[in-house]
């Protein structure tokens, strides 16, 4: 699956996460490493670097600057799947590497 140019929007996130429904992530490189950028809502600017662990799975590191000026960083494992309506979704199990090191899950949907 080629992710270059695909933009995902947050549709769910665990308590302790910073992103919200106004946050989007766009992948800009498919080669190793997989690279993306995210912003919107509570995020001023963020970057992702990831590697594929399977055809539909990735391992990533991310960091961001929030709109309140806080620097944050974390890691996640991700899985892509197509739902019953044919929509591509990305599920992330994440953990902060900064702050309280909370863990959680987020769900993202490919924007049309």
N, C-alpha and C. Protein backbone atom coordinates (compact mmCIF):
# COMPACT_ATOMS: atom_id res chain seq x y z
N UNK A 1 0.84 -1.17 0.00
CA UNK A 1 0.00 0.00 0.00
C UNK A 1 0.89 1.24 0.00
N UNK A 2 0.66 2.11 -0.95
CA UNK A 2 1.42 3.34 -1.05
C UNK A 2 0.71 4.43 -0.24
N UNK A 3 1.42 5.04 0.71
CA UNK A 3 0.83 6.05 1.59
C UNK A 3 1.17 7.48 1.18
N UNK A 4 2.04 7.67 0.20
CA UNK A 4 2.47 9.02 -0.19
C UNK A 4 1.27 9.86 -0.61
N UNK A 5 1.16 11.04 0.00
CA UNK A 5 0.08 11.96 -0.32
C UNK A 5 -1.24 11.65 0.36
N UNK A 6 -1.32 10.56 1.11
CA UNK A 6 -2.56 10.23 1.81
C UNK A 6 -2.63 11.00 3.13
N UNK A 7 -3.80 11.62 3.37
CA UNK A 7 -4.01 12.39 4.58
C UNK A 7 -5.07 11.71 5.43
N UNK A 8 -4.73 11.51 6.69
CA UNK A 8 -5.63 10.89 7.66
C UNK A 8 -6.05 11.92 8.69
N UNK A 9 -7.30 11.83 9.15
CA UNK A 9 -7.83 12.72 10.19
C UNK A 9 -8.17 11.88 11.42
N UNK A 10 -7.90 12.43 12.59
CA UNK A 10 -8.21 11.74 13.85
C UNK A 10 -9.73 11.61 14.01
N UNK A 11 -10.18 10.40 14.35
CA UNK A 11 -11.59 10.21 14.64
C UNK A 11 -11.81 9.75 16.08
N UNK A 12 -10.73 9.30 16.76
CA UNK A 12 -10.83 8.91 18.17
C UNK A 12 -9.43 8.94 18.78
N UNK A 13 -9.37 9.27 20.07
CA UNK A 13 -8.10 9.28 20.77
C UNK A 13 -8.34 9.05 22.26
N UNK A 14 -7.43 8.33 22.89
CA UNK A 14 -7.51 8.05 24.32
C UNK A 14 -7.24 9.29 25.15
N UNK A 15 -7.73 9.26 26.37
CA UNK A 15 -7.42 10.30 27.34
C UNK A 15 -5.90 10.34 27.51
N UNK A 16 -5.37 11.52 27.64
CA UNK A 16 -3.92 11.66 27.77
C UNK A 16 -3.24 11.95 26.46
N UNK A 17 -3.98 11.85 25.36
CA UNK A 17 -3.44 12.18 24.05
C UNK A 17 -3.62 13.67 23.77
N UNK A 18 -2.82 14.20 22.88
CA UNK A 18 -2.86 15.63 22.57
C UNK A 18 -3.69 15.94 21.34
N UNK A 19 -3.74 15.04 20.39
CA UNK A 19 -4.42 15.29 19.12
C UNK A 19 -5.94 15.31 19.31
N UNK A 20 -6.63 15.93 18.33
CA UNK A 20 -8.09 15.93 18.36
C UNK A 20 -8.63 15.82 16.93
N UNK A 21 -9.92 15.96 16.77
CA UNK A 21 -10.57 15.73 15.47
C UNK A 21 -10.17 16.74 14.40
N UNK A 22 -9.46 17.77 14.76
CA UNK A 22 -8.96 18.75 13.78
C UNK A 22 -7.52 18.45 13.35
N UNK A 23 -6.94 17.39 13.90
CA UNK A 23 -5.57 17.03 13.58
C UNK A 23 -5.54 16.10 12.36
N UNK A 24 -4.67 16.42 11.41
CA UNK A 24 -4.48 15.57 10.24
C UNK A 24 -3.01 15.20 10.10
N UNK A 25 -2.76 14.04 9.50
CA UNK A 25 -1.41 13.55 9.21
C UNK A 25 -1.32 13.19 7.74
N UNK A 26 -0.29 13.68 7.07
CA UNK A 26 -0.06 13.38 5.67
C UNK A 26 1.30 12.71 5.51
N UNK A 27 1.32 11.59 4.83
CA UNK A 27 2.57 10.90 4.57
C UNK A 27 3.20 11.48 3.30
N UNK A 28 4.50 11.78 3.37
CA UNK A 28 5.18 12.45 2.26
C UNK A 28 6.27 11.60 1.61
N UNK A 29 6.63 10.48 2.22
CA UNK A 29 7.66 9.60 1.66
C UNK A 29 7.30 8.16 1.93
N UNK A 30 7.43 7.34 0.93
CA UNK A 30 7.10 5.92 1.05
C UNK A 30 8.35 5.07 1.24
N UNK A 31 9.47 5.60 0.79
CA UNK A 31 10.70 4.82 0.89
C UNK A 31 11.13 4.74 2.36
N UNK A 32 12.10 3.90 2.62
CA UNK A 32 12.57 3.76 3.99
C UNK A 32 13.46 4.94 4.32
N UNK A 33 13.14 5.74 5.30
CA UNK A 33 12.00 5.60 6.19
C UNK A 33 10.73 6.23 5.62
N UNK A 34 9.61 5.82 6.18
CA UNK A 34 8.32 6.43 5.88
C UNK A 34 8.26 7.74 6.68
N UNK A 35 7.91 8.84 6.04
CA UNK A 35 7.93 10.15 6.69
C UNK A 35 6.56 10.81 6.56
N UNK A 36 6.15 11.49 7.62
CA UNK A 36 4.88 12.20 7.59
C UNK A 36 4.93 13.48 8.40
N UNK A 37 3.91 14.30 8.24
CA UNK A 37 3.77 15.53 8.99
C UNK A 37 2.35 15.62 9.50
N UNK A 38 2.18 16.18 10.69
CA UNK A 38 0.83 16.35 11.22
C UNK A 38 0.68 17.71 11.89
N UNK A 39 -0.55 18.20 11.88
CA UNK A 39 -0.86 19.51 12.46
C UNK A 39 -2.37 19.66 12.56
N UNK A 40 -2.79 20.76 13.16
CA UNK A 40 -4.21 21.05 13.29
C UNK A 40 -4.73 20.81 14.68
N UNK A 41 -5.75 21.54 15.03
CA UNK A 41 -6.33 21.42 16.37
C UNK A 41 -5.33 21.89 17.40
N UNK A 42 -4.94 21.00 18.29
CA UNK A 42 -4.01 21.32 19.37
C UNK A 42 -2.55 21.25 18.96
N UNK A 43 -2.28 20.82 17.72
CA UNK A 43 -0.91 20.65 17.24
C UNK A 43 -0.55 21.77 16.27
N UNK A 44 0.50 22.52 16.61
CA UNK A 44 1.01 23.53 15.70
C UNK A 44 1.76 22.86 14.56
N UNK A 45 2.70 21.98 14.89
CA UNK A 45 3.48 21.29 13.87
C UNK A 45 4.06 20.02 14.46
N UNK A 46 4.00 18.93 13.69
CA UNK A 46 4.55 17.66 14.14
C UNK A 46 5.12 16.87 12.99
N UNK A 47 6.04 15.96 13.31
CA UNK A 47 6.67 15.10 12.31
C UNK A 47 6.66 13.65 12.78
N UNK A 48 6.63 12.76 11.79
CA UNK A 48 6.63 11.32 12.04
C UNK A 48 7.71 10.69 11.19
N UNK A 49 8.44 9.76 11.78
CA UNK A 49 9.35 8.91 11.01
C UNK A 49 8.99 7.47 11.39
N UNK A 50 8.85 6.63 10.38
CA UNK A 50 8.35 5.27 10.63
C UNK A 50 9.04 4.27 9.72
N UNK A 51 8.91 3.02 10.12
CA UNK A 51 9.37 1.92 9.26
C UNK A 51 8.26 0.88 9.21
N UNK A 52 8.20 0.23 8.09
CA UNK A 52 7.21 -0.84 7.93
C UNK A 52 7.68 -2.07 8.69
N UNK A 53 6.75 -2.69 9.40
CA UNK A 53 7.03 -3.95 10.07
C UNK A 53 6.27 -5.09 9.40
N UNK A 54 5.46 -4.75 8.42
CA UNK A 54 4.68 -5.68 7.64
C UNK A 54 3.97 -4.90 6.55
N UNK A 55 3.22 -5.57 5.70
CA UNK A 55 2.51 -4.88 4.61
C UNK A 55 1.55 -3.82 5.13
N UNK A 56 0.88 -4.11 6.25
CA UNK A 56 -0.12 -3.18 6.78
C UNK A 56 0.21 -2.68 8.18
N UNK A 57 1.47 -2.83 8.62
CA UNK A 57 1.86 -2.41 9.96
C UNK A 57 3.11 -1.53 9.91
N UNK A 58 3.18 -0.60 10.86
CA UNK A 58 4.33 0.29 10.96
C UNK A 58 4.72 0.48 12.42
N UNK A 59 5.94 0.92 12.61
CA UNK A 59 6.45 1.34 13.91
C UNK A 59 6.91 2.78 13.71
N UNK A 60 6.52 3.70 14.60
CA UNK A 60 6.86 5.10 14.36
C UNK A 60 7.34 5.81 15.62
N UNK A 61 8.08 6.87 15.37
CA UNK A 61 8.43 7.87 16.37
C UNK A 61 7.81 9.18 15.91
N UNK A 62 7.32 9.99 16.84
CA UNK A 62 6.70 11.26 16.47
C UNK A 62 7.10 12.33 17.49
N UNK A 63 7.08 13.55 17.03
CA UNK A 63 7.32 14.68 17.92
C UNK A 63 6.53 15.88 17.40
N UNK A 64 6.21 16.79 18.33
CA UNK A 64 5.39 17.93 17.93
C UNK A 64 5.61 19.12 18.84
N UNK A 65 5.13 20.24 18.36
CA UNK A 65 5.01 21.47 19.14
C UNK A 65 3.52 21.76 19.20
N UNK A 66 2.98 21.86 20.41
CA UNK A 66 1.55 22.13 20.55
C UNK A 66 1.27 23.62 20.37
N UNK A 67 0.01 23.97 20.23
CA UNK A 67 -0.35 25.38 20.07
C UNK A 67 -0.08 26.18 21.34
N UNK A 68 0.13 25.50 22.47
CA UNK A 68 0.48 26.18 23.72
C UNK A 68 1.99 26.24 23.93
N UNK A 69 2.76 25.76 22.94
CA UNK A 69 4.22 25.86 23.00
C UNK A 69 4.92 24.70 23.68
N UNK A 70 4.22 23.61 23.95
CA UNK A 70 4.82 22.45 24.59
C UNK A 70 5.44 21.52 23.56
N UNK A 71 6.68 21.08 23.82
CA UNK A 71 7.33 20.06 22.97
C UNK A 71 6.99 18.69 23.52
N UNK A 72 6.57 17.77 22.63
CA UNK A 72 6.21 16.42 23.04
C UNK A 72 6.81 15.43 22.06
N UNK A 73 7.06 14.21 22.54
CA UNK A 73 7.59 13.15 21.69
C UNK A 73 7.05 11.81 22.16
N UNK A 74 6.89 10.89 21.22
CA UNK A 74 6.38 9.57 21.57
C UNK A 74 6.69 8.54 20.52
N UNK A 75 6.16 7.35 20.76
CA UNK A 75 6.33 6.24 19.82
C UNK A 75 4.99 5.53 19.67
N UNK A 76 4.83 4.82 18.56
CA UNK A 76 3.57 4.12 18.31
C UNK A 76 3.80 2.93 17.40
N UNK A 77 2.91 1.96 17.52
CA UNK A 77 2.83 0.89 16.52
C UNK A 77 1.48 1.09 15.84
N UNK A 78 1.48 0.92 14.52
CA UNK A 78 0.28 1.20 13.76
C UNK A 78 -0.14 0.06 12.86
N UNK A 79 -1.43 0.03 12.58
CA UNK A 79 -2.00 -0.99 11.69
C UNK A 79 -3.01 -0.30 10.79
N UNK A 80 -2.97 -0.63 9.51
CA UNK A 80 -3.92 -0.11 8.53
C UNK A 80 -4.93 -1.19 8.20
N UNK A 81 -6.20 -0.79 8.06
CA UNK A 81 -7.24 -1.73 7.65
C UNK A 81 -8.36 -0.97 6.96
N UNK A 82 -9.11 -1.69 6.17
CA UNK A 82 -10.27 -1.14 5.49
C UNK A 82 -11.51 -1.56 6.26
N UNK A 83 -12.37 -0.59 6.61
CA UNK A 83 -13.56 -0.91 7.38
C UNK A 83 -14.67 -1.45 6.47
N UNK A 84 -15.84 -1.75 7.05
CA UNK A 84 -16.96 -2.34 6.32
C UNK A 84 -17.47 -1.41 5.21
N UNK A 85 -17.24 -0.09 5.35
CA UNK A 85 -17.67 0.87 4.33
C UNK A 85 -16.61 1.12 3.27
N UNK A 86 -15.48 0.38 3.35
CA UNK A 86 -14.42 0.54 2.37
C UNK A 86 -13.46 1.69 2.66
N UNK A 87 -13.56 2.29 3.86
CA UNK A 87 -12.70 3.40 4.24
C UNK A 87 -11.40 2.88 4.86
N UNK A 88 -10.27 3.45 4.45
CA UNK A 88 -8.98 3.08 5.02
C UNK A 88 -8.82 3.77 6.37
N UNK A 89 -8.44 2.99 7.38
CA UNK A 89 -8.23 3.51 8.72
C UNK A 89 -6.83 3.16 9.20
N UNK A 90 -6.31 4.00 10.09
CA UNK A 90 -5.03 3.75 10.72
C UNK A 90 -5.28 3.70 12.24
N UNK A 91 -4.88 2.62 12.87
CA UNK A 91 -5.01 2.46 14.31
C UNK A 91 -3.61 2.55 14.92
N UNK A 92 -3.44 3.41 15.91
CA UNK A 92 -2.14 3.56 16.56
C UNK A 92 -2.25 3.23 18.04
N UNK A 93 -1.33 2.41 18.53
CA UNK A 93 -1.12 2.20 19.95
C UNK A 93 0.10 3.05 20.29
N UNK A 94 -0.08 4.10 21.10
CA UNK A 94 0.98 5.07 21.32
C UNK A 94 1.39 5.16 22.78
N UNK A 95 2.59 5.73 22.96
CA UNK A 95 3.09 6.03 24.31
C UNK A 95 3.96 7.28 24.23
N UNK A 96 3.72 8.20 25.16
CA UNK A 96 4.57 9.37 25.25
C UNK A 96 5.95 8.98 25.76
N UNK A 97 6.99 9.57 25.20
CA UNK A 97 8.35 9.43 25.70
C UNK A 97 8.73 10.63 26.55
N UNK A 98 7.86 11.64 26.56
CA UNK A 98 8.03 12.84 27.36
C UNK A 98 6.87 12.94 28.34
N UNK A 99 6.98 13.84 29.29
CA UNK A 99 5.87 14.07 30.22
C UNK A 99 5.57 12.85 31.06
N UNK A 100 4.29 12.50 31.18
CA UNK A 100 3.87 11.40 32.06
C UNK A 100 4.04 10.02 31.45
N UNK A 101 4.48 9.94 30.21
CA UNK A 101 4.69 8.68 29.49
C UNK A 101 3.42 7.83 29.42
N UNK A 102 2.28 8.50 29.34
CA UNK A 102 0.99 7.82 29.23
C UNK A 102 0.92 6.99 27.95
N UNK A 103 0.05 5.98 27.96
CA UNK A 103 -0.20 5.13 26.80
C UNK A 103 -1.65 5.30 26.38
N UNK A 104 -1.92 5.01 25.11
CA UNK A 104 -3.28 5.07 24.63
C UNK A 104 -3.40 4.59 23.20
N UNK A 105 -4.56 4.80 22.62
CA UNK A 105 -4.83 4.43 21.25
C UNK A 105 -5.48 5.61 20.53
N UNK A 106 -5.21 5.68 19.24
CA UNK A 106 -5.90 6.66 18.41
C UNK A 106 -6.34 5.97 17.13
N UNK A 107 -7.39 6.50 16.55
CA UNK A 107 -7.90 5.98 15.28
C UNK A 107 -8.00 7.13 14.31
N UNK A 108 -7.55 6.89 13.10
CA UNK A 108 -7.51 7.89 12.04
C UNK A 108 -8.21 7.33 10.81
N UNK A 109 -8.87 8.21 10.04
CA UNK A 109 -9.54 7.78 8.82
C UNK A 109 -8.98 8.58 7.63
N UNK A 110 -8.80 7.89 6.53
CA UNK A 110 -8.32 8.54 5.30
C UNK A 110 -9.35 9.57 4.86
N UNK A 111 -8.88 10.80 4.61
CA UNK A 111 -9.77 11.83 4.10
C UNK A 111 -10.01 11.61 2.61
N UNK A 112 -11.23 11.88 2.19
CA UNK A 112 -11.59 11.68 0.78
C UNK A 112 -10.98 12.74 -0.10
